[in-house]
Amino acid sequence: MRDEEEGDTVPELWNKWKKKYWPPKKDQLLILVLSGLLLAVAAIPADRGKAKAGVQEEPALQAQTEGNHTDGDYEEHMEQKLQEMLSQVEGVGAVQVMLTFEGTGEKQVEKDQTVSESSSQEETVFEEEGGSIRTPYVTSETNPRVEGVLVIAEGGGSSRVQQEILEAAQALFGIEAHKIKIMKMEGSK
């Protein structure tokens, strides 16, 4: 077999390539080694440690470690976060926050649909961890919607502070002004 451009056979081309590129230079060798390491790391499953341990976490603990919150945790987390943010605003001072929520949020579970000539059937898709733990595969999750906000702040007597708190709550939660109540904290100046 001949190469049309140079007139060399395949073995001759191989020998020329070997002379030119083999053994690889230090930088080429480094690139090869790093590429191999990258491929090895990419091939390791992300949850390998959990599967080997064979330990089943409680659902609430598992949800927290994955960055998700159970309904009660989510509500407390949101209240705490708003309280922390408002206490940083000039003039607000110490603050207490209470949020009310509509519903509990939803999880959309993946379903396989089998259609035959006479009927159709849906089955929930499950994830298996460690061979013994089966959990439904959740494709999306929505948190409960904030319905009302109560803020009790040391600076709650100031109309400027009230307006800033009102605008912040509206921007964060997308709720109407009449669903937000701002009050002055007892014992504040």
N, C-alpha and C. Protein backbone atom coordinates (compact mmCIF):
# COMPACT_ATOMS: atom_id res chain seq x y z
N MET A 1 0.85 -1.18 0.00
CA MET A 1 0.00 0.00 0.00
C MET A 1 0.89 1.23 0.00
N ARG A 2 0.63 2.16 -0.85
CA ARG A 2 1.47 3.34 -1.01
C ARG A 2 0.72 4.59 -0.60
N ASP A 3 1.43 5.52 0.04
CA ASP A 3 0.88 6.83 0.33
C ASP A 3 1.05 7.67 -0.93
N GLU A 4 -0.03 8.30 -1.36
CA GLU A 4 0.00 9.00 -2.63
C GLU A 4 0.90 10.23 -2.60
N GLU A 5 1.04 10.90 -1.44
CA GLU A 5 1.80 12.13 -1.40
C GLU A 5 3.31 11.87 -1.37
N GLU A 6 3.76 10.96 -0.54
CA GLU A 6 5.19 10.79 -0.35
C GLU A 6 5.73 9.54 -1.05
N GLY A 7 4.87 8.65 -1.41
CA GLY A 7 5.32 7.44 -2.07
C GLY A 7 5.90 6.42 -1.13
N ASP A 8 5.70 6.55 0.21
CA ASP A 8 6.22 5.61 1.18
C ASP A 8 5.16 4.56 1.51
N THR A 9 5.61 3.38 1.86
CA THR A 9 4.70 2.33 2.32
C THR A 9 4.37 2.57 3.78
N VAL A 10 3.37 1.86 4.28
CA VAL A 10 2.95 2.02 5.67
C VAL A 10 4.08 1.67 6.63
N PRO A 11 4.81 0.57 6.45
CA PRO A 11 5.93 0.29 7.36
C PRO A 11 7.00 1.38 7.35
N GLU A 12 7.26 1.95 6.17
CA GLU A 12 8.25 3.03 6.10
C GLU A 12 7.77 4.26 6.85
N LEU A 13 6.47 4.59 6.72
CA LEU A 13 5.90 5.74 7.45
C LEU A 13 5.97 5.49 8.96
N TRP A 14 5.69 4.24 9.37
CA TRP A 14 5.74 3.90 10.80
C TRP A 14 7.15 4.09 11.35
N ASN A 15 8.13 3.64 10.60
CA ASN A 15 9.52 3.79 11.04
C ASN A 15 9.91 5.26 11.14
N LYS A 16 9.49 6.09 10.19
CA LYS A 16 9.78 7.52 10.25
C LYS A 16 9.11 8.15 11.48
N TRP A 17 7.87 7.75 11.76
CA TRP A 17 7.14 8.29 12.91
C TRP A 17 7.86 7.90 14.21
N LYS A 18 8.28 6.63 14.30
CA LYS A 18 8.98 6.15 15.50
C LYS A 18 10.27 6.92 15.72
N LYS A 19 11.02 7.17 14.67
CA LYS A 19 12.27 7.90 14.81
C LYS A 19 12.03 9.33 15.29
N LYS A 20 10.96 9.93 14.81
CA LYS A 20 10.69 11.33 15.12
C LYS A 20 10.05 11.49 16.52
N TYR A 21 9.12 10.61 16.90
CA TYR A 21 8.35 10.81 18.12
C TYR A 21 8.64 9.83 19.25
N TRP A 22 9.42 8.79 19.03
CA TRP A 22 9.65 7.82 20.10
C TRP A 22 11.11 7.78 20.47
N PRO A 23 11.52 7.80 21.67
CA PRO A 23 10.72 7.90 22.90
C PRO A 23 10.18 9.32 23.07
N PRO A 24 9.06 9.44 23.77
CA PRO A 24 8.45 10.77 23.93
C PRO A 24 9.34 11.68 24.78
N LYS A 25 9.24 12.98 24.51
CA LYS A 25 9.98 13.97 25.28
C LYS A 25 9.33 14.11 26.65
N LYS A 26 9.99 14.78 27.59
CA LYS A 26 9.50 14.90 28.96
C LYS A 26 8.11 15.56 29.02
N ASP A 27 7.92 16.63 28.26
CA ASP A 27 6.62 17.31 28.31
C ASP A 27 5.50 16.44 27.72
N GLN A 28 5.82 15.69 26.66
CA GLN A 28 4.83 14.80 26.08
C GLN A 28 4.49 13.66 27.04
N LEU A 29 5.49 13.14 27.73
CA LEU A 29 5.29 12.07 28.70
C LEU A 29 4.43 12.56 29.87
N LEU A 30 4.68 13.78 30.32
CA LEU A 30 3.90 14.37 31.40
C LEU A 30 2.43 14.51 30.99
N ILE A 31 2.20 14.96 29.79
CA ILE A 31 0.83 15.11 29.28
C ILE A 31 0.15 13.74 29.22
N LEU A 32 0.86 12.72 28.77
CA LEU A 32 0.29 11.38 28.71
C LEU A 32 -0.07 10.86 30.10
N VAL A 33 0.81 11.05 31.07
CA VAL A 33 0.56 10.58 32.43
C VAL A 33 -0.63 11.32 33.04
N LEU A 34 -0.66 12.64 32.89
CA LEU A 34 -1.78 13.42 33.44
C LEU A 34 -3.11 13.06 32.78
N SER A 35 -3.08 12.81 31.48
CA SER A 35 -4.30 12.39 30.78
C SER A 35 -4.79 11.05 31.32
N GLY A 36 -3.87 10.14 31.56
CA GLY A 36 -4.24 8.84 32.12
C GLY A 36 -4.84 8.98 33.51
N LEU A 37 -4.25 9.82 34.35
CA LEU A 37 -4.80 10.06 35.68
C LEU A 37 -6.20 10.67 35.61
N LEU A 38 -6.38 11.62 34.71
CA LEU A 38 -7.69 12.25 34.54
C LEU A 38 -8.74 11.22 34.14
N LEU A 39 -8.41 10.35 33.22
CA LEU A 39 -9.34 9.30 32.81
C LEU A 39 -9.64 8.34 33.95
N ALA A 40 -8.64 8.02 34.75
CA ALA A 40 -8.85 7.11 35.89
C ALA A 40 -9.77 7.74 36.93
N VAL A 41 -9.57 9.01 37.22
CA VAL A 41 -10.41 9.71 38.19
C VAL A 41 -11.84 9.83 37.66
N ALA A 42 -11.99 10.11 36.39
CA ALA A 42 -13.32 10.25 35.81
C ALA A 42 -14.08 8.92 35.82
N ALA A 43 -13.37 7.82 35.81
CA ALA A 43 -14.02 6.51 35.79
C ALA A 43 -14.48 6.04 37.16
N ILE A 44 -13.99 6.67 38.24
CA ILE A 44 -14.37 6.28 39.60
C ILE A 44 -15.77 6.82 39.89
N PRO A 45 -16.71 5.99 40.35
CA PRO A 45 -18.05 6.49 40.67
C PRO A 45 -17.99 7.46 41.84
N ALA A 46 -18.87 8.47 41.81
CA ALA A 46 -18.87 9.52 42.83
C ALA A 46 -19.30 9.00 44.20
N ASP A 47 -20.19 8.03 44.27
CA ASP A 47 -20.71 7.56 45.55
C ASP A 47 -20.06 6.25 45.99
N ARG A 48 -18.85 6.00 45.56
CA ARG A 48 -18.16 4.75 45.86
C ARG A 48 -18.00 4.52 47.36
N GLY A 49 -17.71 5.56 48.12
CA GLY A 49 -17.51 5.41 49.56
C GLY A 49 -18.77 4.95 50.26
N LYS A 50 -19.93 5.46 49.89
CA LYS A 50 -21.19 5.06 50.51
C LYS A 50 -21.53 3.62 50.18
N ALA A 51 -21.29 3.22 48.93
CA ALA A 51 -21.65 1.88 48.51
C ALA A 51 -20.78 0.84 49.21
N LYS A 52 -19.51 1.12 49.41
CA LYS A 52 -18.62 0.17 50.07
C LYS A 52 -18.96 0.02 51.54
N ALA A 53 -19.31 1.14 52.18
CA ALA A 53 -19.59 1.09 53.61
C ALA A 53 -20.86 0.29 53.87
N GLY A 54 -21.81 0.31 52.95
CA GLY A 54 -23.06 -0.42 53.12
C GLY A 54 -23.93 0.16 54.21
N VAL A 55 -23.68 1.40 54.57
CA VAL A 55 -24.42 2.05 55.64
C VAL A 55 -25.56 2.85 55.03
N GLN A 56 -26.73 2.67 55.58
CA GLN A 56 -27.88 3.42 55.11
C GLN A 56 -28.10 4.61 56.03
N GLU A 57 -28.09 5.82 55.45
CA GLU A 57 -28.33 7.01 56.24
C GLU A 57 -29.82 7.21 56.42
N GLU A 58 -30.18 7.90 57.48
CA GLU A 58 -31.59 8.24 57.66
C GLU A 58 -31.97 9.25 56.58
N PRO A 59 -33.24 9.22 56.10
CA PRO A 59 -33.63 10.12 55.02
C PRO A 59 -33.39 11.59 55.33
N ALA A 60 -33.66 12.04 56.56
CA ALA A 60 -33.47 13.45 56.90
C ALA A 60 -31.99 13.82 56.83
N LEU A 61 -31.12 12.96 57.36
CA LEU A 61 -29.70 13.21 57.34
C LEU A 61 -29.18 13.18 55.91
N GLN A 62 -29.66 12.24 55.13
CA GLN A 62 -29.23 12.13 53.74
C GLN A 62 -29.64 13.38 52.97
N ALA A 63 -30.84 13.89 53.19
CA ALA A 63 -31.30 15.09 52.49
C ALA A 63 -30.43 16.27 52.84
N GLN A 64 -30.02 16.39 54.11
CA GLN A 64 -29.18 17.51 54.51
C GLN A 64 -27.80 17.41 53.89
N THR A 65 -27.23 16.22 53.83
CA THR A 65 -25.89 16.09 53.27
C THR A 65 -25.88 16.34 51.77
N GLU A 66 -26.98 16.14 51.11
CA GLU A 66 -27.04 16.38 49.68
C GLU A 66 -27.42 17.83 49.37
N GLY A 67 -27.61 18.67 50.38
CA GLY A 67 -27.93 20.06 50.14
C GLY A 67 -29.42 20.32 50.10
N ASN A 68 -30.23 19.30 50.20
CA ASN A 68 -31.67 19.48 50.24
C ASN A 68 -32.11 19.60 51.68
N HIS A 69 -33.29 20.13 51.89
CA HIS A 69 -33.81 20.28 53.24
C HIS A 69 -35.17 19.61 53.31
N THR A 70 -35.47 19.00 54.47
CA THR A 70 -36.82 18.53 54.67
C THR A 70 -37.68 19.76 54.88
N ASP A 71 -39.00 19.60 54.85
CA ASP A 71 -39.89 20.77 54.93
C ASP A 71 -39.61 21.64 56.15
N GLY A 72 -39.54 21.06 57.34
CA GLY A 72 -39.28 21.84 58.55
C GLY A 72 -37.92 22.50 58.53
N ASP A 73 -36.92 21.77 58.05
CA ASP A 73 -35.58 22.33 57.96
C ASP A 73 -35.54 23.47 56.96
N TYR A 74 -36.22 23.32 55.85
CA TYR A 74 -36.24 24.37 54.83
C TYR A 74 -36.84 25.65 55.40
N GLU A 75 -37.96 25.52 56.11
CA GLU A 75 -38.62 26.70 56.68
C GLU A 75 -37.72 27.38 57.70
N GLU A 76 -37.12 26.60 58.59
CA GLU A 76 -36.21 27.18 59.58
C GLU A 76 -35.00 27.82 58.91
N HIS A 77 -34.48 27.16 57.89
CA HIS A 77 -33.32 27.69 57.16
C HIS A 77 -33.66 29.04 56.53
N MET A 78 -34.81 29.14 55.92
CA MET A 78 -35.21 30.40 55.27
C MET A 78 -35.40 31.51 56.31
N GLU A 79 -36.03 31.19 57.44
CA GLU A 79 -36.21 32.19 58.49
C GLU A 79 -34.86 32.67 59.01
N GLN A 80 -33.97 31.73 59.26
CA GLN A 80 -32.64 32.07 59.77
C GLN A 80 -31.88 32.93 58.78
N LYS A 81 -31.94 32.57 57.51
CA LYS A 81 -31.23 33.32 56.47
C LYS A 81 -31.76 34.75 56.37
N LEU A 82 -33.09 34.92 56.39
CA LEU A 82 -33.67 36.26 56.31
C LEU A 82 -33.30 37.06 57.55
N GLN A 83 -33.34 36.43 58.71
CA GLN A 83 -32.98 37.09 59.96
C GLN A 83 -31.53 37.58 59.91
N GLU A 84 -30.63 36.74 59.44
CA GLU A 84 -29.22 37.12 59.32
C GLU A 84 -29.04 38.28 58.37
N MET A 85 -29.71 38.25 57.24
CA MET A 85 -29.56 39.30 56.24
C MET A 85 -30.13 40.62 56.74
N LEU A 86 -31.31 40.60 57.34
CA LEU A 86 -31.92 41.84 57.82
C LEU A 86 -31.12 42.46 58.96
N SER A 87 -30.51 41.65 59.81
CA SER A 87 -29.73 42.19 60.92
C SER A 87 -28.49 42.94 60.42
N GLN A 88 -28.09 42.71 59.18
CA GLN A 88 -26.94 43.40 58.60
C GLN A 88 -27.29 44.78 58.05
N VAL A 89 -28.59 45.06 57.89
CA VAL A 89 -29.04 46.32 57.32
C VAL A 89 -28.94 47.41 58.38
N GLU A 90 -28.45 48.56 57.97
CA GLU A 90 -28.29 49.69 58.89
C GLU A 90 -29.64 50.13 59.45
N GLY A 91 -29.69 50.25 60.76
CA GLY A 91 -30.89 50.73 61.43
C GLY A 91 -31.86 49.64 61.85
N VAL A 92 -31.71 48.43 61.36
CA VAL A 92 -32.64 47.35 61.70
C VAL A 92 -32.37 46.85 63.11
N GLY A 93 -31.11 46.62 63.46
CA GLY A 93 -30.76 46.12 64.78
C GLY A 93 -31.12 44.65 64.94
N ALA A 94 -31.41 44.25 66.20
CA ALA A 94 -31.81 42.87 66.47
C ALA A 94 -33.14 42.59 65.77
N VAL A 95 -33.30 41.39 65.29
CA VAL A 95 -34.49 41.08 64.50
C VAL A 95 -34.95 39.64 64.75
N GLN A 96 -36.25 39.44 64.72
CA GLN A 96 -36.87 38.12 64.77
C GLN A 96 -37.76 38.00 63.53
N VAL A 97 -37.75 36.82 62.91
CA VAL A 97 -38.50 36.63 61.67
C VAL A 97 -39.36 35.39 61.78
N MET A 98 -40.57 35.47 61.26
CA MET A 98 -41.45 34.31 61.13
C MET A 98 -42.00 34.29 59.71
N LEU A 99 -41.90 33.14 59.07
CA LEU A 99 -42.43 32.97 57.72
C LEU A 99 -43.55 31.94 57.76
N THR A 100 -44.58 32.18 56.98
CA THR A 100 -45.61 31.15 56.79
C THR A 100 -45.52 30.68 55.35
N PHE A 101 -45.80 29.40 55.15
CA PHE A 101 -45.63 28.78 53.85
C PHE A 101 -46.95 28.19 53.35
N GLU A 102 -47.10 28.19 52.04
CA GLU A 102 -48.25 27.56 51.41
C GLU A 102 -47.82 26.19 50.93
N GLY A 103 -48.48 25.16 51.42
CA GLY A 103 -48.16 23.80 50.99
C GLY A 103 -46.87 23.30 51.60
N THR A 104 -46.40 22.20 51.06
CA THR A 104 -45.19 21.58 51.60
C THR A 104 -44.12 21.38 50.53
N GLY A 105 -44.33 21.83 49.34
CA GLY A 105 -43.38 21.57 48.27
C GLY A 105 -43.72 20.25 47.59
N GLU A 106 -43.09 20.00 46.48
CA GLU A 106 -43.37 18.78 45.72
C GLU A 106 -42.10 18.18 45.17
N LYS A 107 -42.14 16.86 45.00
CA LYS A 107 -41.06 16.15 44.34
C LYS A 107 -41.66 15.44 43.13
N GLN A 108 -41.06 15.64 41.98
CA GLN A 108 -41.48 14.94 40.77
C GLN A 108 -40.64 13.68 40.64
N VAL A 109 -41.30 12.54 40.58
CA VAL A 109 -40.63 11.25 40.50
C VAL A 109 -40.67 10.76 39.06
N GLU A 110 -39.54 10.22 38.60
CA GLU A 110 -39.44 9.68 37.24
C GLU A 110 -40.29 8.42 37.13
N LYS A 111 -41.07 8.33 36.06
CA LYS A 111 -41.92 7.17 35.82
C LYS A 111 -41.65 6.62 34.43
N ASP A 112 -41.60 5.29 34.34
CA ASP A 112 -41.52 4.61 33.05
C ASP A 112 -42.94 4.25 32.64
N GLN A 113 -43.27 4.50 31.39
CA GLN A 113 -44.60 4.18 30.91
C GLN A 113 -44.51 3.06 29.88
N THR A 114 -45.24 1.97 30.15
CA THR A 114 -45.29 0.83 29.25
C THR A 114 -46.65 0.84 28.57
N VAL A 115 -46.64 0.88 27.25
CA VAL A 115 -47.89 0.92 26.50
C VAL A 115 -48.01 -0.36 25.69
N SER A 116 -49.13 -1.03 25.87
CA SER A 116 -49.40 -2.21 25.06
C SER A 116 -50.66 -1.92 24.24
N GLU A 117 -51.10 -2.89 23.47
CA GLU A 117 -52.26 -2.68 22.60
C GLU A 117 -53.52 -2.37 23.40
N SER A 118 -53.68 -2.98 24.56
CA SER A 118 -54.93 -2.83 25.31
C SER A 118 -54.83 -1.87 26.51
N SER A 119 -53.61 -1.59 26.99
CA SER A 119 -53.51 -0.74 28.18
C SER A 119 -52.16 -0.04 28.25
N SER A 120 -52.09 0.90 29.18
CA SER A 120 -50.80 1.53 29.47
C SER A 120 -50.55 1.44 30.98
N GLN A 121 -49.31 1.35 31.35
CA GLN A 121 -48.97 1.14 32.75
C GLN A 121 -47.76 2.00 33.08
N GLU A 122 -47.80 2.65 34.27
CA GLU A 122 -46.68 3.46 34.74
C GLU A 122 -46.01 2.78 35.91
N GLU A 123 -44.68 2.83 35.92
CA GLU A 123 -43.91 2.28 37.03
C GLU A 123 -42.89 3.32 37.48
N THR A 124 -42.74 3.46 38.78
CA THR A 124 -41.77 4.39 39.34
C THR A 124 -40.36 3.87 39.10
N VAL A 125 -39.46 4.79 38.72
CA VAL A 125 -38.06 4.46 38.51
C VAL A 125 -37.34 4.62 39.84
N PHE A 126 -36.55 3.62 40.23
CA PHE A 126 -35.83 3.65 41.50
C PHE A 126 -34.33 3.73 41.28
N GLU A 127 -33.64 4.41 42.21
CA GLU A 127 -32.18 4.41 42.25
C GLU A 127 -31.77 3.36 43.27
N GLU A 128 -30.71 2.64 42.97
CA GLU A 128 -30.22 1.65 43.92
C GLU A 128 -28.83 2.04 44.37
N GLU A 129 -28.66 2.14 45.70
CA GLU A 129 -27.37 2.47 46.28
C GLU A 129 -26.92 1.29 47.12
N GLY A 130 -25.76 0.79 46.84
CA GLY A 130 -25.20 -0.30 47.63
C GLY A 130 -25.96 -1.60 47.47
N GLY A 131 -26.80 -1.71 46.48
CA GLY A 131 -27.50 -2.96 46.22
C GLY A 131 -28.74 -3.19 47.06
N SER A 132 -28.83 -2.57 48.25
CA SER A 132 -29.97 -2.85 49.12
C SER A 132 -30.88 -1.65 49.34
N ILE A 133 -30.43 -0.47 49.02
CA ILE A 133 -31.21 0.73 49.26
C ILE A 133 -31.86 1.17 47.95
N ARG A 134 -33.17 1.22 47.93
CA ARG A 134 -33.91 1.67 46.75
C ARG A 134 -34.67 2.93 47.10
N THR A 135 -34.42 4.00 46.37
CA THR A 135 -35.17 5.25 46.57
C THR A 135 -35.71 5.69 45.23
N PRO A 136 -36.91 6.30 45.22
CA PRO A 136 -37.45 6.79 43.95
C PRO A 136 -36.53 7.84 43.33
N TYR A 137 -36.39 7.82 42.02
CA TYR A 137 -35.55 8.77 41.30
C TYR A 137 -36.34 10.07 41.14
N VAL A 138 -35.87 11.13 41.81
CA VAL A 138 -36.55 12.43 41.79
C VAL A 138 -35.94 13.26 40.67
N THR A 139 -36.79 13.69 39.72
CA THR A 139 -36.30 14.50 38.60
C THR A 139 -36.29 15.98 38.93
N SER A 140 -37.23 16.44 39.76
CA SER A 140 -37.23 17.84 40.17
C SER A 140 -37.93 17.97 41.51
N GLU A 141 -37.57 19.05 42.21
CA GLU A 141 -38.13 19.28 43.53
C GLU A 141 -38.43 20.76 43.68
N THR A 142 -39.61 21.08 44.19
CA THR A 142 -39.95 22.47 44.46
C THR A 142 -40.16 22.64 45.95
N ASN A 143 -39.72 23.77 46.46
CA ASN A 143 -39.89 24.08 47.88
C ASN A 143 -41.24 24.76 48.09
N PRO A 144 -41.75 24.75 49.33
CA PRO A 144 -43.01 25.44 49.58
C PRO A 144 -42.85 26.94 49.35
N ARG A 145 -43.94 27.58 48.95
CA ARG A 145 -43.93 29.00 48.63
C ARG A 145 -44.22 29.81 49.88
N VAL A 146 -43.46 30.91 50.07
CA VAL A 146 -43.68 31.79 51.21
C VAL A 146 -44.99 32.52 51.01
N GLU A 147 -45.85 32.46 52.04
CA GLU A 147 -47.18 33.08 51.99
C GLU A 147 -47.23 34.39 52.77
N GLY A 148 -46.51 34.46 53.89
CA GLY A 148 -46.53 35.66 54.71
C GLY A 148 -45.23 35.84 55.47
N VAL A 149 -44.93 37.10 55.83
CA VAL A 149 -43.69 37.42 56.53
C VAL A 149 -44.01 38.33 57.70
N LEU A 150 -43.50 37.96 58.89
CA LEU A 150 -43.59 38.81 60.08
C LEU A 150 -42.18 39.11 60.51
N VAL A 151 -41.86 40.41 60.64
CA VAL A 151 -40.53 40.84 61.07
C VAL A 151 -40.69 41.74 62.28
N ILE A 152 -40.02 41.37 63.37
CA ILE A 152 -39.99 42.20 64.57
C ILE A 152 -38.56 42.66 64.72
N ALA A 153 -38.35 43.99 64.62
CA ALA A 153 -36.99 44.53 64.62
C ALA A 153 -36.87 45.69 65.59
N GLU A 154 -35.67 45.86 66.14
CA GLU A 154 -35.42 47.00 67.02
C GLU A 154 -35.69 48.31 66.29
N GLY A 155 -35.31 48.41 65.07
CA GLY A 155 -35.52 49.63 64.28
C GLY A 155 -36.84 49.65 63.55
N GLY A 156 -37.77 48.77 63.92
CA GLY A 156 -39.05 48.66 63.23
C GLY A 156 -39.95 49.87 63.37
N GLY A 157 -39.61 50.80 64.25
CA GLY A 157 -40.42 52.01 64.40
C GLY A 157 -40.11 53.06 63.35
N SER A 158 -38.99 52.94 62.67
CA SER A 158 -38.58 53.90 61.65
C SER A 158 -39.24 53.56 60.31
N SER A 159 -39.84 54.57 59.68
CA SER A 159 -40.51 54.31 58.40
C SER A 159 -39.50 53.94 57.32
N ARG A 160 -38.28 54.48 57.38
CA ARG A 160 -37.25 54.15 56.40
C ARG A 160 -36.86 52.67 56.52
N VAL A 161 -36.66 52.20 57.75
CA VAL A 161 -36.30 50.80 58.00
C VAL A 161 -37.46 49.89 57.58
N GLN A 162 -38.68 50.28 57.90
CA GLN A 162 -39.84 49.48 57.50
C GLN A 162 -39.91 49.34 55.99
N GLN A 163 -39.64 50.43 55.27
CA GLN A 163 -39.70 50.40 53.81
C GLN A 163 -38.61 49.48 53.25
N GLU A 164 -37.40 49.54 53.82
CA GLU A 164 -36.32 48.68 53.34
C GLU A 164 -36.63 47.20 53.59
N ILE A 165 -37.17 46.89 54.77
CA ILE A 165 -37.53 45.50 55.09
C ILE A 165 -38.64 45.03 54.15
N LEU A 166 -39.63 45.88 53.92
CA LEU A 166 -40.75 45.55 53.03
C LEU A 166 -40.24 45.24 51.62
N GLU A 167 -39.39 46.11 51.10
CA GLU A 167 -38.87 45.92 49.74
C GLU A 167 -38.01 44.66 49.65
N ALA A 168 -37.23 44.39 50.70
CA ALA A 168 -36.40 43.18 50.69
C ALA A 168 -37.27 41.93 50.67
N ALA A 169 -38.30 41.89 51.51
CA ALA A 169 -39.18 40.72 51.56
C ALA A 169 -39.93 40.53 50.25
N GLN A 170 -40.37 41.62 49.65
CA GLN A 170 -41.06 41.52 48.35
C GLN A 170 -40.12 41.00 47.27
N ALA A 171 -38.89 41.50 47.27
CA ALA A 171 -37.93 41.06 46.25
C ALA A 171 -37.56 39.60 46.44
N LEU A 172 -37.38 39.17 47.68
CA LEU A 172 -36.96 37.79 47.94
C LEU A 172 -38.05 36.77 47.68
N PHE A 173 -39.27 37.08 48.11
CA PHE A 173 -40.32 36.07 48.09
C PHE A 173 -41.43 36.34 47.08
N GLY A 174 -41.41 37.48 46.43
CA GLY A 174 -42.41 37.78 45.40
C GLY A 174 -43.83 37.82 45.94
N ILE A 175 -44.01 38.36 47.14
CA ILE A 175 -45.35 38.44 47.73
C ILE A 175 -45.78 39.90 47.84
N GLU A 176 -47.09 40.11 47.98
CA GLU A 176 -47.64 41.45 48.05
C GLU A 176 -47.32 42.10 49.39
N ALA A 177 -47.33 43.42 49.40
CA ALA A 177 -46.98 44.20 50.60
C ALA A 177 -47.92 43.90 51.77
N HIS A 178 -49.21 43.64 51.50
CA HIS A 178 -50.15 43.41 52.59
C HIS A 178 -49.93 42.06 53.30
N LYS A 179 -49.04 41.22 52.77
CA LYS A 179 -48.72 39.94 53.41
C LYS A 179 -47.42 40.02 54.20
N ILE A 180 -46.92 41.25 54.36
CA ILE A 180 -45.69 41.47 55.11
C ILE A 180 -45.99 42.43 56.26
N LYS A 181 -45.68 42.03 57.48
CA LYS A 181 -45.93 42.87 58.65
C LYS A 181 -44.60 43.13 59.34
N ILE A 182 -44.29 44.42 59.58
CA ILE A 182 -43.06 44.81 60.26
C ILE A 182 -43.46 45.53 61.54
N MET A 183 -42.87 45.08 62.66
CA MET A 183 -43.22 45.65 63.96
C MET A 183 -41.95 46.04 64.71
N LYS A 184 -42.11 46.97 65.66
CA LYS A 184 -41.01 47.40 66.50
C LYS A 184 -40.87 46.43 67.66
N MET A 185 -39.61 46.04 67.97
CA MET A 185 -39.33 45.10 69.04
C MET A 185 -39.55 45.78 70.40
N GLU A 186 -40.13 45.05 71.32
CA GLU A 186 -40.39 45.55 72.66
C GLU A 186 -39.07 45.89 73.35
N GLY A 187 -39.06 47.02 74.05
CA GLY A 187 -37.88 47.42 74.80
C GLY A 187 -36.82 48.12 73.97
N SER A 188 -37.06 48.31 72.68
CA SER A 188 -36.07 49.02 71.85
C SER A 188 -36.32 50.52 71.91
N LYS A 189 -35.29 51.28 71.64
CA LYS A 189 -35.36 52.74 71.75
C LYS A 189 -36.11 53.36 70.61
